N, C-alpha and C. Protein backbone atom coordinates (compact mmCIF):
# COMPACT_ATOMS: atom_id res chain seq x y z
N MET A 1 -17.22 -21.28 14.20
CA MET A 1 -15.82 -21.65 14.10
C MET A 1 -15.57 -22.92 14.90
N ASP A 2 -14.94 -23.87 14.29
CA ASP A 2 -14.63 -25.10 15.01
C ASP A 2 -13.14 -25.19 15.36
N ARG A 3 -12.43 -24.09 15.23
CA ARG A 3 -11.00 -24.05 15.57
C ARG A 3 -10.72 -22.83 16.43
N ILE A 4 -9.66 -22.93 17.21
CA ILE A 4 -9.22 -21.77 17.98
C ILE A 4 -8.19 -21.04 17.14
N HIS A 5 -8.42 -19.76 16.93
CA HIS A 5 -7.52 -18.94 16.13
C HIS A 5 -6.84 -17.91 17.01
N CYS A 6 -5.60 -17.62 16.69
CA CYS A 6 -4.85 -16.59 17.40
C CYS A 6 -5.09 -15.26 16.68
N PHE A 7 -5.78 -14.34 17.35
CA PHE A 7 -6.02 -13.03 16.77
C PHE A 7 -4.91 -12.09 17.20
N LEU A 8 -4.37 -11.36 16.26
CA LEU A 8 -3.26 -10.46 16.53
C LEU A 8 -3.76 -9.03 16.75
N PRO A 9 -3.01 -8.27 17.54
CA PRO A 9 -3.37 -6.86 17.70
C PRO A 9 -3.24 -6.14 16.35
N PRO A 10 -3.99 -5.07 16.17
CA PRO A 10 -3.90 -4.31 14.92
C PRO A 10 -2.46 -3.86 14.62
N ARG A 11 -2.07 -3.98 13.36
CA ARG A 11 -0.79 -3.50 12.81
C ARG A 11 0.44 -4.22 13.35
N VAL A 12 0.31 -5.27 14.16
CA VAL A 12 1.48 -5.93 14.74
C VAL A 12 2.38 -6.54 13.66
N LEU A 13 1.81 -7.06 12.58
CA LEU A 13 2.64 -7.64 11.53
C LEU A 13 3.43 -6.58 10.77
N LEU A 14 2.98 -5.36 10.80
CA LEU A 14 3.71 -4.27 10.16
C LEU A 14 4.73 -3.63 11.10
N GLU A 15 4.39 -3.55 12.37
CA GLU A 15 5.23 -2.82 13.32
C GLU A 15 6.18 -3.71 14.13
N ALA A 16 5.80 -4.94 14.42
CA ALA A 16 6.65 -5.83 15.23
C ALA A 16 6.38 -7.29 14.90
N PRO A 17 6.57 -7.71 13.65
CA PRO A 17 6.25 -9.09 13.27
C PRO A 17 7.08 -10.13 14.01
N GLU A 18 8.29 -9.77 14.42
CA GLU A 18 9.15 -10.73 15.12
C GLU A 18 8.59 -11.12 16.48
N GLN A 19 7.61 -10.37 16.98
CA GLN A 19 7.01 -10.66 18.27
C GLN A 19 5.79 -11.58 18.16
N THR A 20 5.54 -12.12 16.98
CA THR A 20 4.39 -12.99 16.79
C THR A 20 4.84 -14.41 16.49
N GLU A 21 3.92 -15.34 16.62
CA GLU A 21 4.22 -16.73 16.27
C GLU A 21 4.35 -16.92 14.76
N TYR A 22 4.03 -15.88 14.00
CA TYR A 22 4.07 -15.95 12.54
C TYR A 22 5.34 -15.33 11.97
N ALA A 23 6.34 -15.03 12.79
CA ALA A 23 7.53 -14.32 12.35
C ALA A 23 8.24 -15.01 11.19
N ASP A 24 8.43 -16.32 11.26
CA ASP A 24 9.12 -17.03 10.17
C ASP A 24 8.33 -16.94 8.86
N TRP A 25 7.04 -17.14 8.94
CA TRP A 25 6.20 -17.07 7.74
C TRP A 25 6.15 -15.65 7.20
N TRP A 26 6.11 -14.66 8.08
CA TRP A 26 6.04 -13.26 7.65
C TRP A 26 7.31 -12.86 6.90
N ARG A 27 8.48 -13.37 7.35
CA ARG A 27 9.75 -13.08 6.66
C ARG A 27 9.74 -13.68 5.24
N GLN A 28 9.02 -14.77 5.05
CA GLN A 28 8.97 -15.42 3.75
C GLN A 28 7.87 -14.86 2.84
N ALA A 29 7.02 -14.01 3.37
CA ALA A 29 5.88 -13.51 2.60
C ALA A 29 6.33 -12.67 1.42
N ARG A 30 5.55 -12.76 0.35
CA ARG A 30 5.80 -11.96 -0.86
C ARG A 30 4.53 -11.21 -1.21
N ALA A 31 4.69 -9.99 -1.65
CA ALA A 31 3.53 -9.19 -2.02
C ALA A 31 2.92 -9.64 -3.34
N ASP A 32 3.72 -10.28 -4.19
CA ASP A 32 3.25 -10.61 -5.54
C ASP A 32 2.86 -12.07 -5.74
N SER A 33 2.93 -12.89 -4.68
CA SER A 33 2.67 -14.31 -4.86
C SER A 33 2.32 -14.98 -3.53
N PHE A 34 1.60 -16.08 -3.61
CA PHE A 34 1.35 -16.89 -2.42
C PHE A 34 2.48 -17.89 -2.20
N ARG A 35 3.39 -18.03 -3.15
CA ARG A 35 4.54 -18.93 -3.01
C ARG A 35 5.55 -18.28 -2.08
N PRO A 36 6.07 -19.01 -1.07
CA PRO A 36 7.06 -18.43 -0.16
C PRO A 36 8.34 -18.00 -0.91
N ASP A 37 8.99 -17.00 -0.41
CA ASP A 37 10.24 -16.52 -0.98
C ASP A 37 11.36 -17.45 -0.51
N GLU A 38 11.95 -18.21 -1.41
CA GLU A 38 12.99 -19.18 -1.05
C GLU A 38 14.22 -18.50 -0.49
N ARG A 39 14.45 -17.25 -0.83
CA ARG A 39 15.63 -16.53 -0.31
C ARG A 39 15.52 -16.32 1.19
N ALA A 40 14.32 -16.33 1.74
CA ALA A 40 14.14 -16.09 3.18
C ALA A 40 14.41 -17.34 4.00
N GLY A 41 14.56 -18.49 3.37
CA GLY A 41 14.82 -19.72 4.09
C GLY A 41 13.54 -20.43 4.47
N ALA A 42 13.65 -21.66 4.89
CA ALA A 42 12.48 -22.46 5.27
C ALA A 42 12.01 -22.10 6.65
N ALA A 43 10.72 -22.22 6.87
CA ALA A 43 10.14 -21.97 8.20
C ALA A 43 10.56 -23.08 9.14
N ALA A 44 10.82 -22.71 10.37
CA ALA A 44 11.24 -23.71 11.36
C ALA A 44 10.05 -24.39 11.98
C-alpha cells in the first residue's frame, strides 16, 4: 500500500456513521447505485 487509509471499527457505519469522517458520503449512499443520492445534498 502506498497510501495511508483510515480503517473503521467493525459495524460503525451501520451503528454510528455520524461519528466517522465519512458521514456526509454515507448519508448520500444508495443501495442500488454508485451514483450519490441528490436528495441527500452535496458533500461538504
